[in-house]
Protein backbone atom coordinates (compact mmCIF):
# COMPACT_ATOMS: atom_id res chain seq x y z
CA MET A 1 -12.49 -12.09 4.76
CA ASN A 2 -15.48 -13.59 6.50
CA PRO A 3 -19.04 -12.75 5.38
CA SER A 4 -19.45 -10.01 8.00
CA GLY A 5 -16.51 -8.12 6.49
CA GLU A 6 -14.28 -8.48 9.53
CA ARG A 7 -10.76 -9.81 9.17
CA GLY A 8 -10.35 -11.22 12.63
CA ILE A 9 -7.09 -11.81 14.47
CA SER A 10 -5.57 -14.03 11.78
CA GLY A 11 -6.22 -11.35 9.14
CA ILE A 12 -4.56 -8.71 11.29
CA LYS A 13 -1.53 -10.90 11.89
CA SER A 14 -1.26 -11.58 8.16
CA PHE A 15 -1.53 -7.87 7.36
CA VAL A 16 1.19 -6.98 9.89
CA GLN A 17 3.51 -9.66 8.49
CA GLN A 18 2.93 -8.42 4.94
CA SER A 19 3.51 -4.82 6.06
CA LEU A 20 6.82 -5.77 7.68
CA ALA A 21 7.94 -7.57 4.52
CA TYR A 22 6.79 -4.64 2.35
CA GLY A 23 8.68 -2.22 4.60
CA GLU A 24 11.84 -4.28 4.32
CA ILE A 25 11.62 -4.52 0.52
CA LEU A 26 10.72 -0.84 0.05
CA GLY A 27 13.56 0.21 2.34
CA ARG A 28 16.00 -2.01 0.47
CA GLU A 29 14.94 -0.47 -2.87
CA ALA A 30 15.54 2.99 -1.41
CA GLY A 31 18.95 1.97 -0.04
CA GLN A 32 17.74 2.20 3.57
CA GLY A 33 16.93 -0.24 6.32
CA SER A 34 13.48 -1.63 6.95
CA ILE A 35 10.67 0.95 7.15
CA GLU A 36 8.26 0.81 10.09
CA PRO A 37 4.67 -0.14 9.17
CA LYS A 38 3.29 3.20 10.42
CA LYS A 39 5.59 5.01 7.97
CA LEU A 40 4.42 2.91 5.02
CA VAL A 41 1.09 4.65 4.40
CA VAL A 42 2.41 7.45 2.16
CA PRO A 43 4.77 5.28 0.08
CA MET A 44 2.05 2.63 -0.34
CA LEU A 45 -0.50 5.23 -1.52
CA GLU A 46 2.04 6.85 -3.86
CA ARG A 47 2.87 3.49 -5.41
CA PHE A 48 -0.79 2.51 -5.67
CA ILE A 49 -1.78 5.77 -7.39
CA ALA A 50 1.22 5.59 -9.73
CA THR A 51 0.23 2.11 -10.91
CA ASP A 52 -3.58 2.44 -10.91
CA ARG A 53 -4.56 2.44 -14.58
CA GLY A 54 -8.18 3.35 -13.87
CA PHE A 55 -7.12 6.41 -11.88
CA ALA A 56 -4.66 7.49 -14.57
CA LYS A 57 -7.32 7.18 -17.26
CA ALA A 58 -9.89 9.13 -15.24
CA ARG A 59 -7.32 11.81 -14.48
CA ARG A 60 -6.55 12.24 -18.19
CA LEU A 61 -10.25 12.66 -18.94
CA LEU A 62 -10.74 15.46 -16.38
CA PRO A 63 -10.98 18.93 -17.88
CA LYS A 64 -7.82 20.98 -17.32
CA GLY A 65 -8.13 24.20 -15.45
């Protein structure tokens, strides 16, 4: 990322390529074909939350009720 916080065209291209690869791998794991990038948001968030140790710890510390 450049100092202004913008990714630029090369960053966008890289993100799209990574999304396509992620969609292919995630689809393969689920026994399906490649998943379109726009359909990756929910699975990516689910996986992130499931593996985020800080979130899991904070969630355990919340009062129940």
